[in-house]
Structure formats: C-alpha cells, structure tokens
PDB file of N, CA and C in Angstrom:
ATOM      1  N   MET A   1       0.946  -1.095  -0.121  1.00  0.00           N
ATOM      2  CA  MET A   1      -0.195  -0.018  -0.147  1.00  0.00           C
ATOM      3  C   MET A   1       0.738   1.373   0.201  1.00  0.00           C
ATOM      4  N   SER A   2       0.686   2.171  -0.880  1.00  0.00           N
ATOM      5  CA  SER A   2       1.369   3.571  -0.958  1.00  0.00           C
ATOM      6  C   SER A   2       1.164   4.387   0.276  1.00  0.00           C
ATOM      7  N   ARG A   3       1.997   5.064   0.652  1.00  0.00           N
ATOM      8  CA  ARG A   3       1.854   5.935   1.683  1.00  0.00           C
ATOM      9  C   ARG A   3       2.369   7.335   1.208  1.00  0.00           C
ATOM     10  N   TYR A   4       1.269   8.427   1.515  1.00  0.00           N
ATOM     11  CA  TYR A   4       1.682   9.676   1.241  1.00  0.00           C
ATOM     12  C   TYR A   4       1.657  10.826   2.466  1.00  0.00           C
ATOM     13  N   THR A   5       2.303  11.868   2.431  1.00  0.00           N
ATOM     14  CA  THR A   5       2.460  12.867   3.619  1.00  0.00           C
ATOM     15  C   THR A   5       1.015  13.167   3.934  1.00  0.00           C
ATOM     16  N   GLN A   6       0.229  13.203   3.266  1.00  0.00           N
ATOM     17  CA  GLN A   6      -1.104  13.891   3.439  1.00  0.00           C
ATOM     18  C   GLN A   6      -2.275  12.657   3.714  1.00  0.00           C
ATOM     19  N   ASP A   7      -1.856  11.497   3.685  1.00  0.00           N
ATOM     20  CA  ASP A   7      -2.766  10.357   4.139  1.00  0.00           C
ATOM     21  C   ASP A   7      -2.983  10.467   5.784  1.00  0.00           C
ATOM     22  N   PRO A   8      -4.393  10.087   6.152  1.00  0.00           N
ATOM     23  CA  PRO A   8      -4.585  10.131   7.645  1.00  0.00           C
ATOM     24  C   PRO A   8      -3.714   8.912   8.299  1.00  0.00           C
ATOM     25  N   ARG A   9      -3.303   8.755   9.661  1.00  0.00           N
ATOM     26  CA  ARG A   9      -2.455   8.067  10.124  1.00  0.00           C
ATOM     27  C   ARG A   9      -2.820   7.940  11.624  1.00  0.00           C
ATOM     28  N   THR A  10      -2.433   6.710  12.125  1.00  0.00           N
ATOM     29  CA  THR A  10      -2.410   6.687  13.748  1.00  0.00           C
ATOM     30  C   THR A  10      -1.330   7.071  13.990  1.00  0.00           C
ATOM     31  N   MET A  11      -1.379   7.626  15.300  1.00  0.00           N
ATOM     32  CA  MET A  11      -0.091   8.154  16.238  1.00  0.00           C
ATOM     33  C   MET A  11      -0.370   8.238  17.341  1.00  0.00           C
ATOM     34  N   ARG A  12       0.628   8.776  18.148  1.00  0.00           N
ATOM     35  CA  ARG A  12       0.526   9.284  19.569  1.00  0.00           C
ATOM     36  C   ARG A  12       0.605  10.653  19.489  1.00  0.00           C
ATOM     37  N   ALA A  13      -0.414  11.194  20.296  1.00  0.00           N
ATOM     38  CA  ALA A  13      -0.444  12.777  20.536  1.00  0.00           C
ATOM     39  C   ALA A  13       0.914  13.407  21.228  1.00  0.00           C
ATOM     40  N   LYS A  14       1.380  14.574  20.330  1.00  0.00           N
ATOM     41  CA  LYS A  14       2.363  14.999  20.900  1.00  0.00           C
ATOM     42  C   LYS A  14       2.182  16.075  21.979  1.00  0.00           C
ATOM     43  N   PHE A  15       0.891  16.572  22.100  1.00  0.00           N
ATOM     44  CA  PHE A  15       0.183  17.619  22.880  1.00  0.00           C
ATOM     45  C   PHE A  15      -0.998  17.496  23.304  1.00  0.00           C
ATOM     46  N   ASP A  16      -1.588  18.057  24.406  1.00  0.00           N
ATOM     47  CA  ASP A  16      -2.867  17.995  24.817  1.00  0.00           C
ATOM     48  C   ASP A  16      -3.750  18.718  23.959  1.00  0.00           C
ATOM     49  N   SER A  17      -5.024  18.077  23.718  1.00  0.00           N
ATOM     50  CA  SER A  17      -5.996  18.938  22.892  1.00  0.00           C
ATOM     51  C   SER A  17      -7.382  18.377  23.097  1.00  0.00           C
ATOM     52  N   MET A  18      -8.249  18.790  22.362  1.00  0.00           N
ATOM     53  CA  MET A  18      -9.571  18.221  22.344  1.00  0.00           C
ATOM     54  C   MET A  18      -9.905  17.638  21.118  1.00  0.00           C
ATOM     55  N   CYS A  19     -10.651  16.631  20.990  1.00  0.00           N
ATOM     56  CA  CYS A  19     -11.204  15.711  19.795  1.00  0.00           C
ATOM     57  C   CYS A  19     -12.387  16.868  19.016  1.00  0.00           C
ATOM     58  N   PRO A  20     -12.417  17.385  17.870  1.00  0.00           N
ATOM     59  CA  PRO A  20     -13.300  18.273  17.302  1.00  0.00           C
ATOM     60  C   PRO A  20     -14.576  17.535  17.139  1.00  0.00           C
ATOM     61  N   GLU A  21     -14.466  16.342  17.126  1.00  0.00           N
ATOM     62  CA  GLU A  21     -16.018  15.540  16.762  1.00  0.00           C
ATOM     63  C   GLU A  21     -16.570  15.371  18.368  1.00  0.00           C
ATOM     64  N   THR A  22     -15.962  14.765  19.282  1.00  0.00           N
ATOM     65  CA  THR A  22     -16.666  14.038  20.541  1.00  0.00           C
ATOM     66  C   THR A  22     -16.436  15.082  21.586  1.00  0.00           C
ATOM     67  N   GLY A  23     -15.418  15.997  21.621  1.00  0.00           N
ATOM     68  CA  GLY A  23     -15.021  16.991  22.592  1.00  0.00           C
ATOM     69  C   GLY A  23     -14.085  16.236  23.627  1.00  0.00           C
ATOM     70  N   LYS A  24     -14.048  15.163  23.478  1.00  0.00           N
ATOM     71  CA  LYS A  24     -13.049  14.324  24.598  1.00  0.00           C
ATOM     72  C   LYS A  24     -11.667  15.094  24.636  1.00  0.00           C
ATOM     73  N   ALA A  25     -11.046  15.053  25.708  1.00  0.00           N
ATOM     74  CA  ALA A  25      -9.693  15.381  25.818  1.00  0.00           C
ATOM     75  C   ALA A  25      -8.635  14.705  25.402  1.00  0.00           C
ATOM     76  N   ILE A  26      -7.688  14.862  24.605  1.00  0.00           N
ATOM     77  CA  ILE A  26      -6.636  14.124  23.945  1.00  0.00           C
ATOM     78  C   ILE A  26      -5.302  14.657  24.703  1.00  0.00           C
ATOM     79  N   ARG A  27      -4.844  13.686  25.715  1.00  0.00           N
ATOM     80  CA  ARG A  27      -3.766  13.909  26.204  1.00  0.00           C
ATOM     81  C   ARG A  27      -2.271  13.468  25.526  1.00  0.00           C
ATOM     82  N   LYS A  28      -1.230  14.260  25.998  1.00  0.00           N
ATOM     83  CA  LYS A  28      -0.230  13.811  25.092  1.00  0.00           C
ATOM     84  C   LYS A  28       0.105  12.265  25.526  1.00  0.00           C
ATOM     85  N   GLY A  29       0.378  11.584  24.374  1.00  0.00           N
ATOM     86  CA  GLY A  29       0.457  10.150  24.679  1.00  0.00           C
ATOM     87  C   GLY A  29      -0.524   9.283  24.135  1.00  0.00           C
ATOM     88  N   ASP A  30      -1.676   9.648  24.167  1.00  0.00           N
ATOM     89  CA  ASP A  30      -2.787   9.058  23.835  1.00  0.00           C
ATOM     90  C   ASP A  30      -2.648   8.860  22.123  1.00  0.00           C
ATOM     91  N   GLU A  31      -3.510   7.791  21.978  1.00  0.00           N
ATOM     92  CA  GLU A  31      -3.400   7.203  20.345  1.00  0.00           C
ATOM     93  C   GLU A  31      -4.661   8.059  19.805  1.00  0.00           C
ATOM     94  N   ILE A  32      -4.412   8.638  18.454  1.00  0.00           N
ATOM     95  CA  ILE A  32      -5.138   9.387  17.890  1.00  0.00           C
ATOM     96  C   ILE A  32      -5.028   8.976  16.369  1.00  0.00           C
ATOM     97  N   VAL A  33      -6.137   9.278  15.455  1.00  0.00           N
ATOM     98  CA  VAL A  33      -6.063   9.319  14.259  1.00  0.00           C
ATOM     99  C   VAL A  33      -5.884  10.783  13.882  1.00  0.00           C
ATOM    100  N   TYR A  34      -4.817  11.041  13.070  1.00  0.00           N
ATOM    101  CA  TYR A  34      -4.639  12.421  12.562  1.00  0.00           C
ATOM    102  C   TYR A  34      -4.899  12.353  11.115  1.00  0.00           C
ATOM    103  N   PHE A  35      -5.720  13.806  10.753  1.00  0.00           N
ATOM    104  CA  PHE A  35      -5.891  13.811   9.364  1.00  0.00           C
ATOM    105  C   PHE A  35      -5.080  15.133   8.820  1.00  0.00           C
ATOM    106  N   PRO A  36      -3.953  14.806   8.505  1.00  0.00           N
ATOM    107  CA  PRO A  36      -3.019  15.948   7.875  1.00  0.00           C
ATOM    108  C   PRO A  36      -3.967  16.991   6.788  1.00  0.00           C
ATOM    109  N   ARG A  37      -4.877  16.600   6.128  1.00  0.00           N
ATOM    110  CA  ARG A  37      -5.126  17.616   5.209  1.00  0.00           C
ATOM    111  C   ARG A  37      -6.040  18.500   5.821  1.00  0.00           C
ATOM    112  N   GLU A  38      -6.926  18.210   6.988  1.00  0.00           N
ATOM    113  CA  GLU A  38      -7.618  18.956   7.934  1.00  0.00           C
ATOM    114  C   GLU A  38      -7.054  19.460   8.991  1.00  0.00           C
ATOM    115  N   ARG A  39      -5.747  18.845   9.475  1.00  0.00           N
ATOM    116  CA  ARG A  39      -5.096  19.340  10.253  1.00  0.00           C
ATOM    117  C   ARG A  39      -5.694  19.030  11.567  1.00  0.00           C
ATOM    118  N   LYS A  40      -6.539  18.063  11.821  1.00  0.00           N
ATOM    119  CA  LYS A  40      -7.303  17.712  12.825  1.00  0.00           C
ATOM    120  C   LYS A  40      -6.755  16.168  13.487  1.00  0.00           C
ATOM    121  N   ALA A  41      -6.856  16.137  14.839  1.00  0.00           N
ATOM    122  CA  ALA A  41      -6.591  14.892  15.496  1.00  0.00           C
ATOM    123  C   ALA A  41      -7.805  14.565  16.469  1.00  0.00           C
ATOM    124  N   TYR A  42      -8.425  13.257  15.935  1.00  0.00           N
ATOM    125  CA  TYR A  42      -9.447  12.640  16.460  1.00  0.00           C
ATOM    126  C   TYR A  42      -9.163  11.762  17.503  1.00  0.00           C
ATOM    127  N   HIS A  43     -10.079  11.615  18.480  1.00  0.00           N
ATOM    128  CA  HIS A  43      -9.926  10.745  19.670  1.00  0.00           C
ATOM    129  C   HIS A  43     -10.123   9.234  18.994  1.00  0.00           C
ATOM    130  N   ILE A  44      -9.460   8.266  19.657  1.00  0.00           N
ATOM    131  CA  ILE A  44      -9.543   7.053  18.921  1.00  0.00           C
ATOM    132  C   ILE A  44     -10.861   6.415  19.102  1.00  0.00           C
ATOM    133  N   ASP A  45     -11.675   6.908  20.129  1.00  0.00           N
ATOM    134  CA  ASP A  45     -13.105   6.362  20.261  1.00  0.00           C
ATOM    135  C   ASP A  45     -14.049   7.268  19.369  1.00  0.00           C
ATOM    136  N   SER A  46     -13.817   8.338  18.357  1.00  0.00           N
ATOM    137  CA  SER A  46     -14.576   8.937  17.780  1.00  0.00           C
ATOM    138  C   SER A  46     -15.114   8.117  16.341  1.00  0.00           C
ATOM    139  N   GLU A  47     -16.287   8.539  15.898  1.00  0.00           N
ATOM    140  CA  GLU A  47     -16.613   7.785  14.498  1.00  0.00           C
ATOM    141  C   GLU A  47     -15.787   7.987  13.379  1.00  0.00           C
ATOM    142  N   SER A  48     -15.142   9.242  13.397  1.00  0.00           N
ATOM    143  CA  SER A  48     -14.191   9.409  12.087  1.00  0.00           C
ATOM    144  C   SER A  48     -13.177   8.434  12.252  1.00  0.00           C
ATOM    145  N   ALA A  49     -12.586   8.318  13.443  1.00  0.00           N
ATOM    146  CA  ALA A  49     -11.371   7.595  13.725  1.00  0.00           C
ATOM    147  C   ALA A  49     -11.881   6.069  13.333  1.00  0.00           C
ATOM    148  N   ARG A  50     -12.940   5.763  13.849  1.00  0.00           N
ATOM    149  CA  ARG A  50     -13.674   4.260  13.777  1.00  0.00           C
ATOM    150  C   ARG A  50     -13.731   3.725  12.319  1.00  0.00           C
ATOM    151  N   ALA A  51     -14.323   4.826  11.558  1.00  0.00           N
ATOM    152  CA  ALA A  51     -14.406   4.726  10.049  1.00  0.00           C
ATOM    153  C   ALA A  51     -13.254   4.658   9.358  1.00  0.00           C
ATOM    154  N   TRP A  52     -12.276   5.378   9.646  1.00  0.00           N
ATOM    155  CA  TRP A  52     -10.912   5.278   8.945  1.00  0.00           C
ATOM    156  C   TRP A  52     -10.160   4.121   9.266  1.00  0.00           C
ATOM    157  N   LEU A  53     -10.270   3.691  10.541  1.00  0.00           N
ATOM    158  CA  LEU A  53      -9.524   2.427  11.022  1.00  0.00           C
ATOM    159  C   LEU A  53     -10.288   1.244  10.229  1.00  0.00           C
ATOM    160  N   SER A  54     -11.517   1.106  10.070  1.00  0.00           N
ATOM    161  CA  SER A  54     -12.118   0.183   9.352  1.00  0.00           C
ATOM    162  C   SER A  54     -11.735  -0.073   7.810  1.00  0.00           C
ATOM    163  N   GLN A  55     -11.734   1.058   7.251  1.00  0.00           N
ATOM    164  CA  GLN A  55     -11.321   1.055   5.849  1.00  0.00           C
ATOM    165  C   GLN A  55      -9.819   0.647   5.741  1.00  0.00           C
ATOM    166  N   ALA A  56      -9.177   1.455   6.779  1.00  0.00           N
ATOM    167  CA  ALA A  56      -7.529   0.949   6.581  1.00  0.00           C
ATOM    168  C   ALA A  56      -7.415  -0.632   7.023  1.00  0.00           C
ATOM    169  N   ASN A  57      -8.127  -1.353   7.656  1.00  0.00           N
ATOM    170  CA  ASN A  57      -7.967  -2.828   8.144  1.00  0.00           C
ATOM    171  C   ASN A  57      -8.349  -3.486   6.647  1.00  0.00           C
ATOM    172  N   ALA A  58      -9.409  -2.947   5.977  1.00  0.00           N
ATOM    173  CA  ALA A  58      -9.745  -3.680   5.053  1.00  0.00           C
ATOM    174  C   ALA A  58      -9.053  -3.595   3.803  1.00  0.00           C
ATOM    175  N   ASP A  59      -8.291  -2.260   3.815  1.00  0.00           N
ATOM    176  CA  ASP A  59      -7.345  -2.170   2.604  1.00  0.00           C
ATOM    177  C   ASP A  59      -6.108  -3.428   2.788  1.00  0.00           C
ATOM    178  N   ALA A  60      -5.734  -3.291   4.037  1.00  0.00           N
ATOM    179  CA  ALA A  60      -4.516  -3.955   4.534  1.00  0.00           C
ATOM    180  C   ALA A  60      -4.967  -5.661   4.361  1.00  0.00           C
ATOM    181  N   MET A  61      -6.115  -5.794   4.243  1.00  0.00           N
ATOM    182  CA  MET A  61      -6.629  -7.348   3.946  1.00  0.00           C
ATOM    183  C   MET A  61      -6.850  -7.421   2.359  1.00  0.00           C
ATOM    184  N   CYS A  62      -6.667  -6.414   1.546  1.00  0.00           N
ATOM    185  CA  CYS A  62      -7.218  -6.357   0.304  1.00  0.00           C
ATOM    186  C   CYS A  62      -8.544  -6.858  -0.273  1.00  0.00           C
ATOM    187  N   LEU A  63      -9.570  -6.327   0.789  1.00  0.00           N
ATOM    188  CA  LEU A  63     -11.028  -6.555   0.597  1.00  0.00           C
ATOM    189  C   LEU A  63     -11.387  -5.318  -0.291  1.00  0.00           C
ATOM    190  N   GLY A  64     -11.952  -5.518  -1.306  1.00  0.00           N
ATOM    191  CA  GLY A  64     -12.439  -4.288  -2.005  1.00  0.00           C
ATOM    192  C   GLY A  64     -13.288  -3.227  -1.391  1.00  0.00           C
ATOM    193  N   ASP A  65     -14.169  -3.805  -0.390  1.00  0.00           N
ATOM    194  CA  ASP A  65     -15.028  -2.795   0.164  1.00  0.00           C
ATOM    195  C   ASP A  65     -15.488  -3.522   1.470  1.00  0.00           C
ATOM    196  N   ALA A  66     -15.275  -2.495   2.357  1.00  0.00           N
ATOM    197  CA  ALA A  66     -15.605  -3.215   4.044  1.00  0.00           C
ATOM    198  C   ALA A  66     -17.047  -3.095   4.047  1.00  0.00           C
ATOM    199  N   ASN A  67     -17.827  -2.392   3.321  1.00  0.00           N
ATOM    200  CA  ASN A  67     -19.172  -2.031   3.471  1.00  0.00           C
ATOM    201  C   ASN A  67     -20.375  -2.771   3.143  1.00  0.00           C
ATOM    202  N   TRP A  68     -19.862  -3.818   2.360  1.00  0.00           N
ATOM    203  CA  TRP A  68     -20.926  -4.487   1.665  1.00  0.00           C
ATOM    204  C   TRP A  68     -21.010  -6.005   2.073  1.00  0.00           C
TER     205      TRP A  68
END
C-alpha cells in the first residue's frame, strides 16, 4: 500500500488537545487518528477514527469494500 504525506494515520498525540468531533480530551501520548489535510486529531473512540480504521484494515486485507 502506498503511503503519502497527506494520508491519515494513527499516532501518539504530541500535546494535549480536544477531539473536534466528540469533545473528549486528548492527552499527550494518547493514541489518535490524525488527518493532515484537515490538520485535525480525532480521539480513537470517535466515529471518524473508527471509520478510517475500519477502511484501513479492509485495505490491509485487500478487501475491495468493507461495507458490503
């Protein structure tokens, strides 16, 4: 799978912040899903993070579409 600098990715938070979707606190060191194009970090429990992780897992297993 190709990887580009603007692709979303999981990572550890580098500083404290708030999830823009859930409003949950993100502490330094928490696992997050970062969307570079939006410049937003989502809490791992948010719906955006869950949807992206689901699709990333489907891509990793070479499934054409995870939603059917």
